[in-house]
PDB file of N, CA and C in Angstrom:
ATOM      1  N   MET A   1      45.914  24.530  16.586  1.00  0.00           N
ATOM      2  CA  MET A   1      45.406  23.188  16.650  1.00  0.00           C
ATOM      3  C   MET A   1      46.489  22.207  17.110  1.00  0.00           C
ATOM      4  N   ALA A   2      47.725  22.475  16.742  1.00  0.00           N
ATOM      5  CA  ALA A   2      48.808  21.573  17.123  1.00  0.00           C
ATOM      6  C   ALA A   2      49.034  21.574  18.630  1.00  0.00           C
ATOM      7  N   VAL A   3      48.738  22.682  19.279  1.00  0.00           N
ATOM      8  CA  VAL A   3      48.916  22.766  20.735  1.00  0.00           C
ATOM      9  C   VAL A   3      47.988  21.775  21.434  1.00  0.00           C
ATOM     10  N   ILE A   4      46.785  21.616  20.903  1.00  0.00           N
ATOM     11  CA  ILE A   4      45.830  20.681  21.494  1.00  0.00           C
ATOM     12  C   ILE A   4      46.376  19.259  21.430  1.00  0.00           C
ATOM     13  N   TYR A   5      46.977  18.905  20.301  1.00  0.00           N
ATOM     14  CA  TYR A   5      47.541  17.565  20.161  1.00  0.00           C
ATOM     15  C   TYR A   5      48.695  17.348  21.138  1.00  0.00           C
ATOM     16  N   VAL A   6      49.518  18.333  21.311  1.00  0.00           N
ATOM     17  CA  VAL A   6      50.660  18.213  22.229  1.00  0.00           C
ATOM     18  C   VAL A   6      50.178  18.074  23.667  1.00  0.00           C
ATOM     19  N   ILE A   7      49.203  18.866  24.053  1.00  0.00           N
ATOM     20  CA  ILE A   7      48.680  18.792  25.418  1.00  0.00           C
ATOM     21  C   ILE A   7      48.009  17.444  25.655  1.00  0.00           C
ATOM     22  N   THR A   8      47.219  16.976  24.689  1.00  0.00           N
ATOM     23  CA  THR A   8      46.569  15.675  24.819  1.00  0.00           C
ATOM     24  C   THR A   8      47.597  14.559  24.945  1.00  0.00           C
ATOM     25  N   ALA A   9      48.622  14.589  24.129  1.00  0.00           N
ATOM     26  CA  ALA A   9      49.666  13.562  24.192  1.00  0.00           C
ATOM     27  C   ALA A   9      50.409  13.611  25.520  1.00  0.00           C
ATOM     28  N   ALA A  10      50.657  14.803  26.037  1.00  0.00           N
ATOM     29  CA  ALA A  10      51.361  14.931  27.325  1.00  0.00           C
ATOM     30  C   ALA A  10      50.509  14.387  28.471  1.00  0.00           C
ATOM     31  N   ILE A  11      49.226  14.657  28.441  1.00  0.00           N
ATOM     32  CA  ILE A  11      48.342  14.148  29.493  1.00  0.00           C
ATOM     33  C   ILE A  11      48.258  12.623  29.433  1.00  0.00           C
ATOM     34  N   LEU A  12      48.117  12.084  28.226  1.00  0.00           N
ATOM     35  CA  LEU A  12      48.048  10.631  28.095  1.00  0.00           C
ATOM     36  C   LEU A  12      49.365   9.969  28.493  1.00  0.00           C
ATOM     37  N   ALA A  13      50.478  10.600  28.169  1.00  0.00           N
ATOM     38  CA  ALA A  13      51.777  10.061  28.578  1.00  0.00           C
ATOM     39  C   ALA A  13      51.903  10.062  30.095  1.00  0.00           C
ATOM     40  N   LEU A  14      51.424  11.108  30.735  1.00  0.00           N
ATOM     41  CA  LEU A  14      51.471  11.180  32.199  1.00  0.00           C
ATOM     42  C   LEU A  14      50.645  10.060  32.828  1.00  0.00           C
ATOM     43  N   VAL A  15      49.471   9.798  32.263  1.00  0.00           N
ATOM     44  CA  VAL A  15      48.620   8.726  32.780  1.00  0.00           C
ATOM     45  C   VAL A  15      49.314   7.381  32.649  1.00  0.00           C
ATOM     46  N   ILE A  16      49.928   7.126  31.521  1.00  0.00           N
ATOM     47  CA  ILE A  16      50.617   5.846  31.305  1.00  0.00           C
ATOM     48  C   ILE A  16      51.825   5.724  32.234  1.00  0.00           C
ATOM     49  N   ILE A  17      52.562   6.792  32.427  1.00  0.00           N
ATOM     50  CA  ILE A  17      53.728   6.749  33.315  1.00  0.00           C
ATOM     51  C   ILE A  17      53.310   6.443  34.746  1.00  0.00           C
ATOM     52  N   VAL A  18      52.251   7.093  35.199  1.00  0.00           N
ATOM     53  CA  VAL A  18      51.779   6.846  36.570  1.00  0.00           C
ATOM     54  C   VAL A  18      51.264   5.419  36.703  1.00  0.00           C
ATOM     55  N   ALA A  19      50.477   4.967  35.725  1.00  0.00           N
ATOM     56  CA  ALA A  19      49.938   3.604  35.790  1.00  0.00           C
ATOM     57  C   ALA A  19      51.053   2.566  35.758  1.00  0.00           C
ATOM     58  N   SER A  20      52.030   2.766  34.901  1.00  0.00           N
ATOM     59  CA  SER A  20      53.127   1.797  34.828  1.00  0.00           C
ATOM     60  C   SER A  20      53.963   1.819  36.093  1.00  0.00           C
ATOM     61  N   SER A  21      54.140   2.976  36.693  1.00  0.00           N
ATOM     62  CA  SER A  21      54.899   3.057  37.944  1.00  0.00           C
ATOM     63  C   SER A  21      54.192   2.303  39.062  1.00  0.00           C
ATOM     64  N   VAL A  22      52.880   2.437  39.125  1.00  0.00           N
ATOM     65  CA  VAL A  22      52.120   1.731  40.157  1.00  0.00           C
ATOM     66  C   VAL A  22      52.195   0.226  39.939  1.00  0.00           C
ATOM     67  N   ILE A  23      52.050  -0.223  38.692  1.00  0.00           N
ATOM     68  CA  ILE A  23      52.091  -1.658  38.405  1.00  0.00           C
ATOM     69  C   ILE A  23      53.479  -2.227  38.660  1.00  0.00           C
ATOM     70  N   ILE A  24      54.511  -1.506  38.280  1.00  0.00           N
ATOM     71  CA  ILE A  24      55.884  -1.979  38.525  1.00  0.00           C
ATOM     72  C   ILE A  24      56.187  -2.008  40.017  1.00  0.00           C
ATOM     73  N   ALA A  25      55.754  -0.986  40.750  1.00  0.00           N
ATOM     74  CA  ALA A  25      55.979  -0.978  42.200  1.00  0.00           C
ATOM     75  C   ALA A  25      55.250  -2.146  42.870  1.00  0.00           C
ATOM     76  N   ALA A  26      54.033  -2.442  42.411  1.00  0.00           N
ATOM     77  CA  ALA A  26      53.307  -3.577  42.977  1.00  0.00           C
ATOM     78  C   ALA A  26      53.979  -4.894  42.608  1.00  0.00           C
ATOM     79  N   GLY A  27      54.514  -4.980  41.394  1.00  0.00           N
ATOM     80  CA  GLY A  27      55.194  -6.204  40.977  1.00  0.00           C
ATOM     81  C   GLY A  27      56.495  -6.438  41.715  1.00  0.00           C
ATOM     82  N   LEU A  28      57.179  -5.386  42.085  1.00  0.00           N
ATOM     83  CA  LEU A  28      58.461  -5.529  42.773  1.00  0.00           C
ATOM     84  C   LEU A  28      58.324  -5.694  44.282  1.00  0.00           C
ATOM     85  N   SER A  29      57.165  -5.396  44.814  1.00  0.00           N
ATOM     86  CA  SER A  29      56.995  -5.539  46.265  1.00  0.00           C
ATOM     87  C   SER A  29      56.966  -7.031  46.612  1.00  0.00           C
ATOM     88  N   THR A  30      57.577  -7.363  47.704  1.00  0.00           N
ATOM     89  CA  THR A  30      57.633  -8.761  48.123  1.00  0.00           C
ATOM     90  C   THR A  30      56.883  -8.916  49.432  1.00  0.00           C
ATOM     91  N   ALA A  31      56.141 -10.011  49.551  1.00  0.00           N
ATOM     92  CA  ALA A  31      55.375 -10.267  50.764  1.00  0.00           C
ATOM     93  C   ALA A  31      56.272 -10.825  51.876  1.00  0.00           C
ATOM     94  N   VAL A  32      57.285 -11.572  51.502  1.00  0.00           N
ATOM     95  CA  VAL A  32      58.171 -12.188  52.478  1.00  0.00           C
ATOM     96  C   VAL A  32      59.524 -11.499  52.402  1.00  0.00           C
ATOM     97  N   PRO A  33      60.030 -10.980  53.520  1.00  0.00           N
ATOM     98  CA  PRO A  33      61.356 -10.347  53.478  1.00  0.00           C
ATOM     99  C   PRO A  33      62.423 -11.356  53.047  1.00  0.00           C
ATOM    100  N   GLY A  34      63.295 -10.922  52.177  1.00  0.00           N
ATOM    101  CA  GLY A  34      64.373 -11.774  51.704  1.00  0.00           C
ATOM    102  C   GLY A  34      64.019 -12.557  50.456  1.00  0.00           C
ATOM    103  N   ALA A  35      62.761 -12.543  50.047  1.00  0.00           N
ATOM    104  CA  ALA A  35      62.364 -13.272  48.837  1.00  0.00           C
ATOM    105  C   ALA A  35      62.745 -12.443  47.614  1.00  0.00           C
ATOM    106  N   THR A  36      63.000 -13.134  46.526  1.00  0.00           N
ATOM    107  CA  THR A  36      63.363 -12.418  45.300  1.00  0.00           C
ATOM    108  C   THR A  36      62.101 -11.904  44.617  1.00  0.00           C
ATOM    109  N   ALA A  37      62.214 -10.744  44.035  1.00  0.00           N
ATOM    110  CA  ALA A  37      61.076 -10.138  43.353  1.00  0.00           C
ATOM    111  C   ALA A  37      60.948 -10.699  41.945  1.00  0.00           C
ATOM    112  N   THR A  38      59.737 -11.017  41.572  1.00  0.00           N
ATOM    113  CA  THR A  38      59.476 -11.490  40.216  1.00  0.00           C
ATOM    114  C   THR A  38      58.399 -10.608  39.593  1.00  0.00           C
ATOM    115  N   ILE A  39      58.485 -10.460  38.295  1.00  0.00           N
ATOM    116  CA  ILE A  39      57.500  -9.658  37.576  1.00  0.00           C
ATOM    117  C   ILE A  39      56.867 -10.535  36.504  1.00  0.00           C
ATOM    118  N   ASP A  40      55.549 -10.574  36.475  1.00  0.00           N
ATOM    119  CA  ASP A  40      54.834 -11.320  35.440  1.00  0.00           C
ATOM    120  C   ASP A  40      54.804 -10.516  34.153  1.00  0.00           C
ATOM    121  N   ALA A  41      54.505 -11.169  33.066  1.00  0.00           N
ATOM    122  CA  ALA A  41      54.407 -10.495  31.772  1.00  0.00           C
ATOM    123  C   ALA A  41      53.073  -9.766  31.627  1.00  0.00           C
ATOM    124  N   MET A  42      52.062 -10.199  32.360  1.00  0.00           N
ATOM    125  CA  MET A  42      50.726  -9.628  32.199  1.00  0.00           C
ATOM    126  C   MET A  42      50.661  -8.131  32.515  1.00  0.00           C
ATOM    127  N   PRO A  43      51.273  -7.617  33.578  1.00  0.00           N
ATOM    128  CA  PRO A  43      51.214  -6.169  33.798  1.00  0.00           C
ATOM    129  C   PRO A  43      51.819  -5.368  32.647  1.00  0.00           C
ATOM    130  N   GLY A  44      52.885  -5.864  32.058  1.00  0.00           N
ATOM    131  CA  GLY A  44      53.473  -5.177  30.911  1.00  0.00           C
ATOM    132  C   GLY A  44      52.542  -5.159  29.719  1.00  0.00           C
ATOM    133  N   LEU A  45      51.837  -6.270  29.511  1.00  0.00           N
ATOM    134  CA  LEU A  45      50.869  -6.326  28.422  1.00  0.00           C
ATOM    135  C   LEU A  45      49.683  -5.406  28.683  1.00  0.00           C
ATOM    136  N   ILE A  46      49.285  -5.304  29.937  1.00  0.00           N
ATOM    137  CA  ILE A  46      48.188  -4.396  30.295  1.00  0.00           C
ATOM    138  C   ILE A  46      48.597  -2.957  30.032  1.00  0.00           C
ATOM    139  N   ILE A  47      49.815  -2.599  30.421  1.00  0.00           N
ATOM    140  CA  ILE A  47      50.305  -1.241  30.187  1.00  0.00           C
ATOM    141  C   ILE A  47      50.368  -0.953  28.690  1.00  0.00           C
ATOM    142  N   ALA A  48      50.882  -1.905  27.929  1.00  0.00           N
ATOM    143  CA  ALA A  48      50.967  -1.709  26.479  1.00  0.00           C
ATOM    144  C   ALA A  48      49.584  -1.569  25.858  1.00  0.00           C
ATOM    145  N   GLY A  49      48.638  -2.345  26.315  1.00  0.00           N
ATOM    146  CA  GLY A  49      47.272  -2.265  25.794  1.00  0.00           C
ATOM    147  C   GLY A  49      46.605  -0.947  26.126  1.00  0.00           C
ATOM    148  N   ILE A  50      46.774  -0.494  27.363  1.00  0.00           N
ATOM    149  CA  ILE A  50      46.195   0.792  27.766  1.00  0.00           C
ATOM    150  C   ILE A  50      46.851   1.925  26.987  1.00  0.00           C
ATOM    151  N   GLY A  51      48.167   1.860  26.843  1.00  0.00           N
ATOM    152  CA  GLY A  51      48.872   2.893  26.086  1.00  0.00           C
ATOM    153  C   GLY A  51      48.426   2.941  24.641  1.00  0.00           C
ATOM    154  N   CYS A  52      48.260   1.776  24.041  1.00  0.00           N
ATOM    155  CA  CYS A  52      47.804   1.710  22.647  1.00  0.00           C
ATOM    156  C   CYS A  52      46.395   2.277  22.517  1.00  0.00           C
ATOM    157  N   ALA A  53      45.528   1.924  23.436  1.00  0.00           N
ATOM    158  CA  ALA A  53      44.152   2.427  23.392  1.00  0.00           C
ATOM    159  C   ALA A  53      44.104   3.941  23.566  1.00  0.00           C
ATOM    160  N   LEU A  54      44.903   4.474  24.484  1.00  0.00           N
ATOM    161  CA  LEU A  54      44.894   5.921  24.706  1.00  0.00           C
ATOM    162  C   LEU A  54      45.498   6.681  23.529  1.00  0.00           C
ATOM    163  N   ILE A  55      46.535   6.146  22.929  1.00  0.00           N
ATOM    164  CA  ILE A  55      47.113   6.797  21.753  1.00  0.00           C
ATOM    165  C   ILE A  55      46.125   6.764  20.589  1.00  0.00           C
ATOM    166  N   LEU A  56      45.455   5.629  20.429  1.00  0.00           N
ATOM    167  CA  LEU A  56      44.438   5.523  19.386  1.00  0.00           C
ATOM    168  C   LEU A  56      43.314   6.513  19.626  1.00  0.00           C
ATOM    169  N   LEU A  57      42.897   6.634  20.862  1.00  0.00           N
ATOM    170  CA  LEU A  57      41.860   7.598  21.221  1.00  0.00           C
ATOM    171  C   LEU A  57      42.318   9.031  20.964  1.00  0.00           C
ATOM    172  N   ALA A  58      43.569   9.328  21.307  1.00  0.00           N
ATOM    173  CA  ALA A  58      44.093  10.690  21.133  1.00  0.00           C
ATOM    174  C   ALA A  58      44.235  11.066  19.667  1.00  0.00           C
ATOM    175  N   THR A  59      44.400  10.099  18.795  1.00  0.00           N
ATOM    176  CA  THR A  59      44.526  10.422  17.382  1.00  0.00           C
ATOM    177  C   THR A  59      43.194  10.361  16.651  1.00  0.00           C
ATOM    178  N   LEU A  60      42.323   9.450  17.040  1.00  0.00           N
ATOM    179  CA  LEU A  60      41.058   9.307  16.332  1.00  0.00           C
ATOM    180  C   LEU A  60      40.030  10.389  16.665  1.00  0.00           C
ATOM    181  N   VAL A  61      39.942  10.771  17.925  1.00  0.00           N
ATOM    182  CA  VAL A  61      38.918  11.758  18.312  1.00  0.00           C
ATOM    183  C   VAL A  61      39.138  13.098  17.600  1.00  0.00           C
ATOM    184  N   PRO A  62      40.327  13.695  17.634  1.00  0.00           N
ATOM    185  CA  PRO A  62      40.499  14.954  16.900  1.00  0.00           C
ATOM    186  C   PRO A  62      40.319  14.789  15.387  1.00  0.00           C
ATOM    187  N   THR A  63      40.703  13.627  14.856  1.00  0.00           N
ATOM    188  CA  THR A  63      40.525  13.390  13.428  1.00  0.00           C
ATOM    189  C   THR A  63      39.050  13.323  13.068  1.00  0.00           C
ATOM    190  N   LEU A  64      38.291  12.598  13.852  1.00  0.00           N
ATOM    191  CA  LEU A  64      36.857  12.499  13.583  1.00  0.00           C
ATOM    192  C   LEU A  64      36.151  13.844  13.752  1.00  0.00           C
ATOM    193  N   VAL A  65      36.574  14.628  14.730  1.00  0.00           N
ATOM    194  CA  VAL A  65      35.999  15.964  14.897  1.00  0.00           C
ATOM    195  C   VAL A  65      36.350  16.841  13.701  1.00  0.00           C
ATOM    196  N   GLY A  66      37.579  16.738  13.216  1.00  0.00           N
ATOM    197  CA  GLY A  66      37.999  17.510  12.052  1.00  0.00           C
ATOM    198  C   GLY A  66      37.280  17.097  10.786  1.00  0.00           C
ATOM    199  N   LEU A  67      36.943  15.824  10.663  1.00  0.00           N
ATOM    200  CA  LEU A  67      36.253  15.341   9.472  1.00  0.00           C
ATOM    201  C   LEU A  67      34.791  15.779   9.427  1.00  0.00           C
ATOM    202  N   ARG A  68      34.248  16.138  10.562  1.00  0.00           N
ATOM    203  CA  ARG A  68      32.856  16.580  10.595  1.00  0.00           C
ATOM    204  C   ARG A  68      32.695  18.010  10.080  1.00  0.00           C
ATOM    205  N   ARG A  69      33.784  18.748  10.016  1.00  0.00           N
ATOM    206  CA  ARG A  69      33.725  20.127   9.519  1.00  0.00           C
ATOM    207  C   ARG A  69      33.661  20.134   7.998  1.00  0.00           C
ATOM    208  N   ASP A  70      33.069  21.168   7.465  1.00  0.00           N
ATOM    209  CA  ASP A  70      33.010  21.332   6.021  1.00  0.00           C
ATOM    210  C   ASP A  70      34.387  21.771   5.518  1.00  0.00           C
ATOM    211  N   VAL A  71      34.964  20.992   4.629  1.00  0.00           N
ATOM    212  CA  VAL A  71      36.327  21.245   4.164  1.00  0.00           C
ATOM    213  C   VAL A  71      36.405  22.559   3.406  1.00  0.00           C
ATOM    214  N   MET A  72      35.498  22.797   2.494  1.00  0.00           N
ATOM    215  CA  MET A  72      35.538  24.015   1.684  1.00  0.00           C
ATOM    216  C   MET A  72      35.386  25.264   2.550  1.00  0.00           C
ATOM    217  N   ARG A  73      34.534  25.182   3.527  1.00  0.00           N
ATOM    218  CA  ARG A  73      34.320  26.328   4.425  1.00  0.00           C
ATOM    219  C   ARG A  73      35.565  26.604   5.261  1.00  0.00           C
ATOM    220  N   THR A  74      36.190  25.543   5.745  1.00  0.00           N
ATOM    221  CA  THR A  74      37.391  25.687   6.557  1.00  0.00           C
ATOM    222  C   THR A  74      38.544  26.262   5.743  1.00  0.00           C
ATOM    223  N   LEU A  75      38.719  25.766   4.532  1.00  0.00           N
ATOM    224  CA  LEU A  75      39.816  26.251   3.693  1.00  0.00           C
ATOM    225  C   LEU A  75      39.582  27.659   3.173  1.00  0.00           C
ATOM    226  N   SER A  76      38.351  28.034   2.960  1.00  0.00           N
ATOM    227  CA  SER A  76      38.072  29.368   2.425  1.00  0.00           C
ATOM    228  C   SER A  76      38.231  30.458   3.474  1.00  0.00           C
ATOM    229  N   SER A  77      38.153  30.102   4.749  1.00  0.00           N
ATOM    230  CA  SER A  77      38.286  31.117   5.792  1.00  0.00           C
ATOM    231  C   SER A  77      39.722  31.537   6.025  1.00  0.00           C
ATOM    232  N   GLU A  78      40.667  30.749   5.527  1.00  0.00           N
ATOM    233  CA  GLU A  78      42.078  31.079   5.753  1.00  0.00           C
ATOM    234  C   GLU A  78      42.639  31.939   4.693  1.00  0.00           C
TER     235      GLU A  78
END
């Protein structure tokens, strides 16, 4: 069961890394050559919000699935 959690966390981390890389690359691109690059705070907040939502999803879904199982039946099979 722990392998599933590790794989889920790795996939979600990959999604966040790719999304943040795209947002940072877009923020650093300049329309006018020679202009200084500026980054707004909003893309960082969006990344943090998406990351928080995905981590919450990765922890709640397996927990809710586990809670639907009969505890006594699960423990007695081991």
